[in-house]
């Protein structure tokens, strides 16, 4: 059902309930209201929900990594398309399951711009959610390392994880900002369109397209990278000689994969880009069009 109050119909005693998707103006009001509620949540609850979101996004990354493993001669575009569809699971879990994701929470700027959320509340929410996402993603990375799933497919999963992470750590600083900007513009468009939904299926369909696009195009998501890169670093540091012999590689074949590059070469610029893409390119634009006082 729509969740709205019944509206009196044209005949006495009859009521109708709208099942049409919300239009953008109503979506903006919903986004503003959600931003106010998110900023007012008790911080322990926010942190717990943020840990869940970090784990949910990591699950999408696990699905994505597994799917592209051993792709071989499969065309690049086809592999990226399938990877994007698989990764969509992460945001679906966040939106439908209920969790606090830093990249999506950049849309709180809509409530902040309307002066319904203070600057302190906005920044506090972002900081707590970002930290919780990091904890959730890191715990999932550690758990996945313990499963030794990276050895599956004759080491194909581990090879894919190492290659993905090494590439991410090889980005130039401003390139990473640009890739992060494009990524979160799409992520926030997925969240924005989900605000129009009347049912769970609507939300899922709204999410799949933009998320598939950003993964297929190779854009950078800070929270996903909190799983992709640490997991690969755990494999690089702790995998057995048998694993390296099986895949025909050594740790030296992944020179850019370091903790320094993880934080300073990827997470820092990508996070900056994610804020620009979500808060400015989506949140600020829709606030200007639908919520500013005329």
C-alpha atoms as a PDB file:
ATOM      1  CA  UNK A   1       0.000   0.000   0.000  1.00  0.00           C
ATOM      2  CA  UNK A   2       1.051   3.594  -0.439  1.00  0.00           C
ATOM      3  CA  UNK A   3       1.215   4.540   3.229  1.00  0.00           C
ATOM      4  CA  UNK A   4      -0.875   7.683   2.616  1.00  0.00           C
ATOM      5  CA  UNK A   5      -4.139   8.530   4.354  1.00  0.00           C
ATOM      6  CA  UNK A   6      -7.241   7.411   2.423  1.00  0.00           C
ATOM      7  CA  UNK A   7      -8.780  10.134   0.276  1.00  0.00           C
ATOM      8  CA  UNK A   8     -12.524  10.414   0.036  1.00  0.00           C
ATOM      9  CA  UNK A   9     -13.871   9.208  -3.285  1.00  0.00           C
ATOM     10  CA  UNK A  10     -16.705  10.635  -5.334  1.00  0.00           C
ATOM     11  CA  UNK A  11     -19.243   8.355  -3.662  1.00  0.00           C
ATOM     12  CA  UNK A  12     -20.119   8.353   0.033  1.00  0.00           C
ATOM     13  CA  UNK A  13     -18.420   5.578   1.952  1.00  0.00           C
ATOM     14  CA  UNK A  14     -15.837   4.879  -0.770  1.00  0.00           C
ATOM     15  CA  UNK A  15     -12.157   5.671  -0.366  1.00  0.00           C
ATOM     16  CA  UNK A  16      -9.236   5.443  -2.756  1.00  0.00           C
ATOM     17  CA  UNK A  17      -5.526   5.147  -2.089  1.00  0.00           C
ATOM     18  CA  UNK A  18      -2.994   6.525  -4.569  1.00  0.00           C
ATOM     19  CA  UNK A  19      -0.509   4.035  -5.929  1.00  0.00           C
ATOM     20  CA  UNK A  20       1.125   6.417  -8.407  1.00  0.00           C
ATOM     21  CA  UNK A  21       4.791   7.232  -7.923  1.00  0.00           C
ATOM     22  CA  UNK A  22       5.534  10.536  -6.221  1.00  0.00           C
ATOM     23  CA  UNK A  23       6.446  13.412  -8.506  1.00  0.00           C
ATOM     24  CA  UNK A  24       9.783  15.252  -8.061  1.00  0.00           C
ATOM     25  CA  UNK A  25       8.354  18.093  -5.945  1.00  0.00           C
ATOM     26  CA  UNK A  26       6.904  15.611  -3.469  1.00  0.00           C
ATOM     27  CA  UNK A  27      10.146  13.600  -3.607  1.00  0.00           C
ATOM     28  CA  UNK A  28      12.045  16.733  -2.584  1.00  0.00           C
ATOM     29  CA  UNK A  29       9.786  17.216   0.422  1.00  0.00           C
ATOM     30  CA  UNK A  30      10.258  13.573   1.370  1.00  0.00           C
ATOM     31  CA  UNK A  31      14.037  13.896   1.018  1.00  0.00           C
ATOM     32  CA  UNK A  32      13.967  16.961   3.269  1.00  0.00           C
ATOM     33  CA  UNK A  33      11.864  15.197   5.904  1.00  0.00           C
ATOM     34  CA  UNK A  34      14.095  12.125   5.810  1.00  0.00           C
ATOM     35  CA  UNK A  35      17.162  14.342   6.227  1.00  0.00           C
ATOM     36  CA  UNK A  36      15.651  15.924   9.348  1.00  0.00           C
ATOM     37  CA  UNK A  37      14.872  12.495  10.818  1.00  0.00           C
ATOM     38  CA  UNK A  38      18.327  11.123  10.027  1.00  0.00           C
ATOM     39  CA  UNK A  39      20.055  14.099  11.656  1.00  0.00           C
ATOM     40  CA  UNK A  40      17.889  13.698  14.772  1.00  0.00           C
ATOM     41  CA  UNK A  41      18.579   9.977  15.289  1.00  0.00           C
ATOM     42  CA  UNK A  42      20.361   8.948  18.475  1.00  0.00           C
ATOM     43  CA  UNK A  43      24.061   8.503  17.693  1.00  0.00           C
ATOM     44  CA  UNK A  44      24.452   4.949  18.996  1.00  0.00           C
ATOM     45  CA  UNK A  45      21.630   3.838  16.721  1.00  0.00           C
ATOM     46  CA  UNK A  46      23.142   5.757  13.814  1.00  0.00           C
ATOM     47  CA  UNK A  47      26.506   4.075  14.356  1.00  0.00           C
ATOM     48  CA  UNK A  48      24.954   0.604  14.544  1.00  0.00           C
ATOM     49  CA  UNK A  49      22.954   1.202  11.354  1.00  0.00           C
ATOM     50  CA  UNK A  50      26.098   2.561   9.691  1.00  0.00           C
ATOM     51  CA  UNK A  51      27.982  -0.635  10.533  1.00  0.00           C
ATOM     52  CA  UNK A  52      25.166  -2.559   8.872  1.00  0.00           C
ATOM     53  CA  UNK A  53      25.392  -0.356   5.776  1.00  0.00           C
ATOM     54  CA  UNK A  54      29.148  -0.904   5.520  1.00  0.00           C
ATOM     55  CA  UNK A  55      28.561  -4.650   5.691  1.00  0.00           C
ATOM     56  CA  UNK A  56      25.715  -4.479   3.156  1.00  0.00           C
ATOM     57  CA  UNK A  57      27.841  -2.595   0.631  1.00  0.00           C
ATOM     58  CA  UNK A  58      30.638  -5.093   1.248  1.00  0.00           C
ATOM     59  CA  UNK A  59      28.225  -7.922   0.436  1.00  0.00           C
ATOM     60  CA  UNK A  60      27.510  -6.245  -2.893  1.00  0.00           C
ATOM     61  CA  UNK A  61      31.273  -6.001  -3.452  1.00  0.00           C
ATOM     62  CA  UNK A  62      31.712  -9.692  -2.613  1.00  0.00           C
ATOM     63  CA  UNK A  63      29.021 -10.618  -5.138  1.00  0.00           C
ATOM     64  CA  UNK A  64      30.631  -8.350  -7.729  1.00  0.00           C
ATOM     65  CA  UNK A  65      34.153  -9.736  -7.190  1.00  0.00           C
ATOM     66  CA  UNK A  66      32.958 -13.328  -7.342  1.00  0.00           C
ATOM     67  CA  UNK A  67      31.014 -12.729 -10.535  1.00  0.00           C
ATOM     68  CA  UNK A  68      33.943 -11.216 -12.460  1.00  0.00           C
ATOM     69  CA  UNK A  69      36.391 -13.903 -11.322  1.00  0.00           C
ATOM     70  CA  UNK A  70      37.818 -15.964 -14.160  1.00  0.00           C
ATOM     71  CA  UNK A  71      35.913 -14.013 -16.802  1.00  0.00           C
ATOM     72  CA  UNK A  72      38.603 -14.889 -19.331  1.00  0.00           C
ATOM     73  CA  UNK A  73      37.672 -13.964 -22.897  1.00  0.00           C
ATOM     74  CA  UNK A  74      34.280 -12.514 -21.965  1.00  0.00           C
ATOM     75  CA  UNK A  75      33.990  -8.990 -23.464  1.00  0.00           C
ATOM     76  CA  UNK A  76      34.910  -6.218 -21.026  1.00  0.00           C
ATOM     77  CA  UNK A  77      31.558  -4.457 -21.306  1.00  0.00           C
ATOM     78  CA  UNK A  78      29.590  -7.624 -20.601  1.00  0.00           C
ATOM     79  CA  UNK A  79      31.668  -8.371 -17.514  1.00  0.00           C
ATOM     80  CA  UNK A  80      31.205  -4.820 -16.212  1.00  0.00           C
ATOM     81  CA  UNK A  81      27.456  -4.969 -16.840  1.00  0.00           C
ATOM     82  CA  UNK A  82      27.104  -8.176 -14.851  1.00  0.00           C
ATOM     83  CA  UNK A  83      29.335  -6.780 -12.106  1.00  0.00           C
ATOM     84  CA  UNK A  84      27.132  -3.709 -11.826  1.00  0.00           C
ATOM     85  CA  UNK A  85      23.934  -5.720 -11.565  1.00  0.00           C
ATOM     86  CA  UNK A  86      25.524  -7.854  -8.837  1.00  0.00           C
ATOM     87  CA  UNK A  87      26.807  -4.847  -6.877  1.00  0.00           C
ATOM     88  CA  UNK A  88      23.305  -3.338  -6.869  1.00  0.00           C
ATOM     89  CA  UNK A  89      22.508  -5.827  -4.113  1.00  0.00           C
ATOM     90  CA  UNK A  90      24.472  -3.657  -1.666  1.00  0.00           C
ATOM     91  CA  UNK A  91      22.329  -0.535  -2.019  1.00  0.00           C
ATOM     92  CA  UNK A  92      19.153  -2.612  -2.205  1.00  0.00           C
ATOM     93  CA  UNK A  93      20.008  -4.042   1.217  1.00  0.00           C
ATOM     94  CA  UNK A  94      20.690  -0.553   2.553  1.00  0.00           C
ATOM     95  CA  UNK A  95      17.506   1.052   1.232  1.00  0.00           C
ATOM     96  CA  UNK A  96      15.064  -1.803   1.742  1.00  0.00           C
ATOM     97  CA  UNK A  97      16.652  -3.322   4.845  1.00  0.00           C
ATOM     98  CA  UNK A  98      17.223   0.050   6.485  1.00  0.00           C
ATOM     99  CA  UNK A  99      20.749   1.292   7.218  1.00  0.00           C
ATOM    100  CA  UNK A 100      22.798   4.497   7.268  1.00  0.00           C
ATOM    101  CA  UNK A 101      25.119   4.949   4.283  1.00  0.00           C
ATOM    102  CA  UNK A 102      27.483   7.922   4.090  1.00  0.00           C
ATOM    103  CA  UNK A 103      27.168   8.420   0.356  1.00  0.00           C
ATOM    104  CA  UNK A 104      23.375   8.444   0.476  1.00  0.00           C
ATOM    105  CA  UNK A 105      23.384  10.707   3.524  1.00  0.00           C
ATOM    106  CA  UNK A 106      25.032  13.469   1.532  1.00  0.00           C
ATOM    107  CA  UNK A 107      21.425  14.248   0.527  1.00  0.00           C
ATOM    108  CA  UNK A 108      20.850  15.580   4.052  1.00  0.00           C
ATOM    109  CA  UNK A 109      22.173  18.843   2.597  1.00  0.00           C
ATOM    110  CA  UNK A 110      18.646  19.416   1.300  1.00  0.00           C
ATOM    111  CA  UNK A 111      17.325  19.722   4.859  1.00  0.00           C
ATOM    112  CA  UNK A 112      20.447  21.687   5.857  1.00  0.00           C
ATOM    113  CA  UNK A 113      19.934  24.178   3.015  1.00  0.00           C
ATOM    114  CA  UNK A 114      16.358  24.694   4.232  1.00  0.00           C
ATOM    115  CA  UNK A 115      17.779  25.425   7.717  1.00  0.00           C
ATOM    116  CA  UNK A 116      15.997  22.445   9.220  1.00  0.00           C
ATOM    117  CA  UNK A 117      19.296  20.752  10.093  1.00  0.00           C
ATOM    118  CA  UNK A 118      22.251  22.565  11.650  1.00  0.00           C
ATOM    119  CA  UNK A 119      25.749  22.443  10.214  1.00  0.00           C
ATOM    120  CA  UNK A 120      26.936  20.667  13.352  1.00  0.00           C
ATOM    121  CA  UNK A 121      24.218  17.996  13.053  1.00  0.00           C
ATOM    122  CA  UNK A 122      25.003  17.491   9.371  1.00  0.00           C
ATOM    123  CA  UNK A 123      28.741  17.059   9.897  1.00  0.00           C
ATOM    124  CA  UNK A 124      28.236  14.894  12.986  1.00  0.00           C
ATOM    125  CA  UNK A 125      25.956  12.574  11.068  1.00  0.00           C
ATOM    126  CA  UNK A 126      28.422  12.311   8.211  1.00  0.00           C
ATOM    127  CA  UNK A 127      31.342  11.619  10.557  1.00  0.00           C
ATOM    128  CA  UNK A 128      29.536   8.977  12.621  1.00  0.00           C
ATOM    129  CA  UNK A 129      28.069   7.250   9.566  1.00  0.00           C
ATOM    130  CA  UNK A 130      31.395   7.288   7.716  1.00  0.00           C
ATOM    131  CA  UNK A 131      33.138   5.731  10.735  1.00  0.00           C
ATOM    132  CA  UNK A 132      30.420   3.112  11.124  1.00  0.00           C
ATOM    133  CA  UNK A 133      30.547   2.252   7.432  1.00  0.00           C
ATOM    134  CA  UNK A 134      34.312   1.790   7.738  1.00  0.00           C
ATOM    135  CA  UNK A 135      33.904  -0.556  10.703  1.00  0.00           C
ATOM    136  CA  UNK A 136      31.244  -2.615   8.933  1.00  0.00           C
ATOM    137  CA  UNK A 137      33.241  -2.901   5.722  1.00  0.00           C
ATOM    138  CA  UNK A 138      36.482  -3.760   7.536  1.00  0.00           C
ATOM    139  CA  UNK A 139      34.826  -6.408   9.714  1.00  0.00           C
ATOM    140  CA  UNK A 140      33.316  -7.969   6.610  1.00  0.00           C
ATOM    141  CA  UNK A 141      36.703  -7.898   4.862  1.00  0.00           C
ATOM    142  CA  UNK A 142      38.306  -9.640   7.831  1.00  0.00           C
ATOM    143  CA  UNK A 143      35.566 -12.245   7.995  1.00  0.00           C
ATOM    144  CA  UNK A 144      35.812 -12.912   4.267  1.00  0.00           C
ATOM    145  CA  UNK A 145      39.575 -13.328   4.545  1.00  0.00           C
ATOM    146  CA  UNK A 146      38.974 -15.917   7.270  1.00  0.00           C
ATOM    147  CA  UNK A 147      36.643 -17.843   4.946  1.00  0.00           C
ATOM    148  CA  UNK A 148      39.482 -18.240   2.435  1.00  0.00           C
ATOM    149  CA  UNK A 149      36.920 -17.636  -0.284  1.00  0.00           C
ATOM    150  CA  UNK A 150      39.701 -15.926  -2.229  1.00  0.00           C
ATOM    151  CA  UNK A 151      41.097 -19.403  -2.994  1.00  0.00           C
ATOM    152  CA  UNK A 152      37.890 -20.494  -4.731  1.00  0.00           C
ATOM    153  CA  UNK A 153      37.933 -21.111  -8.471  1.00  0.00           C
ATOM    154  CA  UNK A 154      41.580 -22.134  -8.319  1.00  0.00           C
ATOM    155  CA  UNK A 155      42.431 -18.718  -6.891  1.00  0.00           C
ATOM    156  CA  UNK A 156      40.358 -16.796  -9.464  1.00  0.00           C
ATOM    157  CA  UNK A 157      38.421 -14.917  -6.781  1.00  0.00           C
ATOM    158  CA  UNK A 158      41.617 -13.795  -5.062  1.00  0.00           C
ATOM    159  CA  UNK A 159      43.195 -12.792  -8.368  1.00  0.00           C
ATOM    160  CA  UNK A 160      40.181 -10.656  -9.214  1.00  0.00           C
ATOM    161  CA  UNK A 161      40.185  -9.042  -5.758  1.00  0.00           C
ATOM    162  CA  UNK A 162      43.888  -8.191  -5.991  1.00  0.00           C
ATOM    163  CA  UNK A 163      43.563  -6.771  -9.505  1.00  0.00           C
ATOM    164  CA  UNK A 164      40.524  -4.639  -8.612  1.00  0.00           C
ATOM    165  CA  UNK A 165      42.187  -3.182  -5.528  1.00  0.00           C
ATOM    166  CA  UNK A 166      45.546  -2.570  -7.197  1.00  0.00           C
ATOM    167  CA  UNK A 167      43.794  -0.644  -9.970  1.00  0.00           C
ATOM    168  CA  UNK A 168      41.872   1.450  -7.438  1.00  0.00           C
ATOM    169  CA  UNK A 169      45.087   2.339  -5.629  1.00  0.00           C
ATOM    170  CA  UNK A 170      46.683   3.378  -8.920  1.00  0.00           C
ATOM    171  CA  UNK A 171      44.358   6.338  -9.586  1.00  0.00           C
ATOM    172  CA  UNK A 172      45.755   9.847  -9.758  1.00  0.00           C
ATOM    173  CA  UNK A 173      44.407  12.126  -7.002  1.00  0.00           C
ATOM    174  CA  UNK A 174      42.203  14.376  -9.140  1.00  0.00           C
ATOM    175  CA  UNK A 175      41.161  11.460 -11.304  1.00  0.00           C
ATOM    176  CA  UNK A 176      39.901   9.732  -8.149  1.00  0.00           C
ATOM    177  CA  UNK A 177      37.962  12.871  -7.161  1.00  0.00           C
ATOM    178  CA  UNK A 178      36.306  12.979 -10.585  1.00  0.00           C
ATOM    179  CA  UNK A 179      35.489   9.266 -10.498  1.00  0.00           C
ATOM    180  CA  UNK A 180      34.060   9.675  -7.001  1.00  0.00           C
ATOM    181  CA  UNK A 181      31.955  12.634  -8.113  1.00  0.00           C
ATOM    182  CA  UNK A 182      30.389  10.707 -10.967  1.00  0.00           C
ATOM    183  CA  UNK A 183      29.817   7.695  -8.737  1.00  0.00           C
ATOM    184  CA  UNK A 184      27.865   9.423  -6.011  1.00  0.00           C
ATOM    185  CA  UNK A 185      25.831  11.473  -8.442  1.00  0.00           C
ATOM    186  CA  UNK A 186      24.481   8.132  -9.655  1.00  0.00           C
ATOM    187  CA  UNK A 187      24.169   6.617  -6.169  1.00  0.00           C
ATOM    188  CA  UNK A 188      22.186   9.625  -4.954  1.00  0.00           C
ATOM    189  CA  UNK A 189      20.030   9.538  -8.073  1.00  0.00           C
ATOM    190  CA  UNK A 190      19.207   5.938  -7.165  1.00  0.00           C
ATOM    191  CA  UNK A 191      18.295   7.016  -3.620  1.00  0.00           C
ATOM    192  CA  UNK A 192      16.416  10.066  -4.953  1.00  0.00           C
ATOM    193  CA  UNK A 193      14.332   7.966  -7.337  1.00  0.00           C
ATOM    194  CA  UNK A 194      13.621   5.464  -4.566  1.00  0.00           C
ATOM    195  CA  UNK A 195      11.903   8.348  -2.718  1.00  0.00           C
ATOM    196  CA  UNK A 196       9.231   8.207  -5.437  1.00  0.00           C
ATOM    197  CA  UNK A 197       8.488   4.541  -4.753  1.00  0.00           C
ATOM    198  CA  UNK A 198       5.233   3.210  -3.348  1.00  0.00           C
ATOM    199  CA  UNK A 199       6.390  -0.400  -3.009  1.00  0.00           C
ATOM    200  CA  UNK A 200       9.547  -2.422  -2.389  1.00  0.00           C
ATOM    201  CA  UNK A 201       9.702  -3.572  -6.011  1.00  0.00           C
ATOM    202  CA  UNK A 202       9.653   0.067  -7.117  1.00  0.00           C
ATOM    203  CA  UNK A 203      12.641   0.852  -4.915  1.00  0.00           C
ATOM    204  CA  UNK A 204      14.630  -2.093  -6.225  1.00  0.00           C
ATOM    205  CA  UNK A 205      14.001  -1.172  -9.858  1.00  0.00           C
ATOM    206  CA  UNK A 206      14.996   2.441  -9.170  1.00  0.00           C
ATOM    207  CA  UNK A 207      18.302   1.314  -7.688  1.00  0.00           C
ATOM    208  CA  UNK A 208      19.536  -1.225 -10.234  1.00  0.00           C
ATOM    209  CA  UNK A 209      20.034   1.103 -13.221  1.00  0.00           C
ATOM    210  CA  UNK A 210      22.188   3.863 -11.679  1.00  0.00           C
ATOM    211  CA  UNK A 211      24.256   1.432  -9.610  1.00  0.00           C
ATOM    212  CA  UNK A 212      24.879  -0.855 -12.573  1.00  0.00           C
ATOM    213  CA  UNK A 213      25.980   2.208 -14.550  1.00  0.00           C
ATOM    214  CA  UNK A 214      28.518   3.419 -12.002  1.00  0.00           C
ATOM    215  CA  UNK A 215      30.127   0.005 -11.605  1.00  0.00           C
ATOM    216  CA  UNK A 216      30.143  -0.652 -15.354  1.00  0.00           C
ATOM    217  CA  UNK A 217      31.778   2.731 -15.979  1.00  0.00           C
ATOM    218  CA  UNK A 218      34.459   2.185 -13.325  1.00  0.00           C
ATOM    219  CA  UNK A 219      33.479   5.036 -10.996  1.00  0.00           C
ATOM    220  CA  UNK A 220      34.691   5.077  -7.369  1.00  0.00           C
ATOM    221  CA  UNK A 221      32.567   4.582  -4.243  1.00  0.00           C
ATOM    222  CA  UNK A 222      34.345   5.292  -0.948  1.00  0.00           C
ATOM    223  CA  UNK A 223      32.383   2.799   1.160  1.00  0.00           C
ATOM    224  CA  UNK A 224      32.726  -0.014  -1.371  1.00  0.00           C
ATOM    225  CA  UNK A 225      36.465   0.687  -1.460  1.00  0.00           C
ATOM    226  CA  UNK A 226      36.575   0.239   2.321  1.00  0.00           C
ATOM    227  CA  UNK A 227      35.957  -3.415   1.509  1.00  0.00           C
ATOM    228  CA  UNK A 228      37.621  -3.892  -1.876  1.00  0.00           C
ATOM    229  CA  UNK A 229      41.052  -2.562  -0.880  1.00  0.00           C
ATOM    230  CA  UNK A 230      41.456  -3.868   2.716  1.00  0.00           C
ATOM    231  CA  UNK A 231      40.294  -7.338   1.688  1.00  0.00           C
ATOM    232  CA  UNK A 232      42.917  -7.433  -1.062  1.00  0.00           C
ATOM    233  CA  UNK A 233      45.537  -6.136   1.368  1.00  0.00           C
ATOM    234  CA  UNK A 234      44.700  -8.956   3.771  1.00  0.00           C
ATOM    235  CA  UNK A 235      45.157 -11.445   0.918  1.00  0.00           C
ATOM    236  CA  UNK A 236      48.417  -9.836  -0.189  1.00  0.00           C
ATOM    237  CA  UNK A 237      49.843  -9.948   3.330  1.00  0.00           C
ATOM    238  CA  UNK A 238      48.530 -13.307   4.499  1.00  0.00           C
ATOM    239  CA  UNK A 239      47.870 -15.663   1.594  1.00  0.00           C
ATOM    240  CA  UNK A 240      49.898 -18.856   1.580  1.00  0.00           C
ATOM    241  CA  UNK A 241      52.649 -19.732  -0.876  1.00  0.00           C
ATOM    242  CA  UNK A 242      50.300 -22.328  -2.331  1.00  0.00           C
ATOM    243  CA  UNK A 243      47.845 -19.586  -3.311  1.00  0.00           C
ATOM    244  CA  UNK A 244      50.531 -17.498  -5.033  1.00  0.00           C
ATOM    245  CA  UNK A 245      51.894 -20.542  -6.852  1.00  0.00           C
ATOM    246  CA  UNK A 246      48.397 -21.477  -8.000  1.00  0.00           C
ATOM    247  CA  UNK A 247      47.673 -18.072  -9.536  1.00  0.00           C
ATOM    248  CA  UNK A 248      51.201 -17.615 -10.892  1.00  0.00           C
ATOM    249  CA  UNK A 249      51.710 -14.281  -9.155  1.00  0.00           C
ATOM    250  CA  UNK A 250      53.601 -12.819  -6.202  1.00  0.00           C
ATOM    251  CA  UNK A 251      52.773  -9.921  -3.852  1.00  0.00           C
ATOM    252  CA  UNK A 252      55.309  -7.845  -5.802  1.00  0.00           C
ATOM    253  CA  UNK A 253      52.989  -7.970  -8.811  1.00  0.00           C
ATOM    254  CA  UNK A 254      50.663  -5.564  -6.960  1.00  0.00           C
ATOM    255  CA  UNK A 255      53.016  -2.694  -6.054  1.00  0.00           C
ATOM    256  CA  UNK A 256      50.343   0.002  -5.682  1.00  0.00           C
ATOM    257  CA  UNK A 257      48.370  -2.057  -3.200  1.00  0.00           C
ATOM    258  CA  UNK A 258      49.477  -0.512   0.113  1.00  0.00           C
ATOM    259  CA  UNK A 259      47.716   0.918   3.155  1.00  0.00           C
ATOM    260  CA  UNK A 260      49.104   4.371   2.375  1.00  0.00           C
ATOM    261  CA  UNK A 261      47.663   4.278  -1.137  1.00  0.00           C
ATOM    262  CA  UNK A 262      44.409   2.913   0.266  1.00  0.00           C
ATOM    263  CA  UNK A 263      43.841   5.922   2.527  1.00  0.00           C
ATOM    264  CA  UNK A 264      45.653   8.810   0.831  1.00  0.00           C
ATOM    265  CA  UNK A 265      45.513   7.726  -2.792  1.00  0.00           C
ATOM    266  CA  UNK A 266      41.955   6.410  -2.857  1.00  0.00           C
ATOM    267  CA  UNK A 267      39.661   6.919   0.147  1.00  0.00           C
ATOM    268  CA  UNK A 268      40.568  10.598   0.663  1.00  0.00           C
ATOM    269  CA  UNK A 269      40.028  11.824  -2.915  1.00  0.00           C
ATOM    270  CA  UNK A 270      37.117   9.466  -3.565  1.00  0.00           C
ATOM    271  CA  UNK A 271      35.341  10.684  -0.421  1.00  0.00           C
ATOM    272  CA  UNK A 272      35.798  14.287  -1.559  1.00  0.00           C
ATOM    273  CA  UNK A 273      34.354  13.370  -4.933  1.00  0.00           C
ATOM    274  CA  UNK A 274      31.450  11.481  -3.347  1.00  0.00           C
ATOM    275  CA  UNK A 275      30.509  14.581  -1.337  1.00  0.00           C
ATOM    276  CA  UNK A 276      30.650  16.768  -4.442  1.00  0.00           C
ATOM    277  CA  UNK A 277      28.579  14.336  -6.494  1.00  0.00           C
ATOM    278  CA  UNK A 278      25.907  13.710  -3.877  1.00  0.00           C
ATOM    279  CA  UNK A 279      25.641  16.983  -1.971  1.00  0.00           C
ATOM    280  CA  UNK A 280      26.167  19.404  -4.862  1.00  0.00           C
ATOM    281  CA  UNK A 281      25.246  17.721  -8.129  1.00  0.00           C
ATOM    282  CA  UNK A 282      22.104  16.061  -6.771  1.00  0.00           C
ATOM    283  CA  UNK A 283      21.063  17.440  -3.378  1.00  0.00           C
ATOM    284  CA  UNK A 284      21.809  21.120  -3.981  1.00  0.00           C
ATOM    285  CA  UNK A 285      20.303  21.102  -7.475  1.00  0.00           C
ATOM    286  CA  UNK A 286      17.018  19.544  -6.419  1.00  0.00           C
ATOM    287  CA  UNK A 287      16.849  21.804  -3.358  1.00  0.00           C
ATOM    288  CA  UNK A 288      17.315  24.851  -5.598  1.00  0.00           C
ATOM    289  CA  UNK A 289      14.579  23.751  -7.974  1.00  0.00           C
ATOM    290  CA  UNK A 290      11.950  22.515  -5.524  1.00  0.00           C
ATOM    291  CA  UNK A 291      12.639  23.714  -1.977  1.00  0.00           C
ATOM    292  CA  UNK A 292      14.227  27.166  -2.022  1.00  0.00           C
ATOM    293  CA  UNK A 293      11.953  29.989  -0.998  1.00  0.00           C
ATOM    294  CA  UNK A 294      10.886  31.876  -4.079  1.00  0.00           C
END
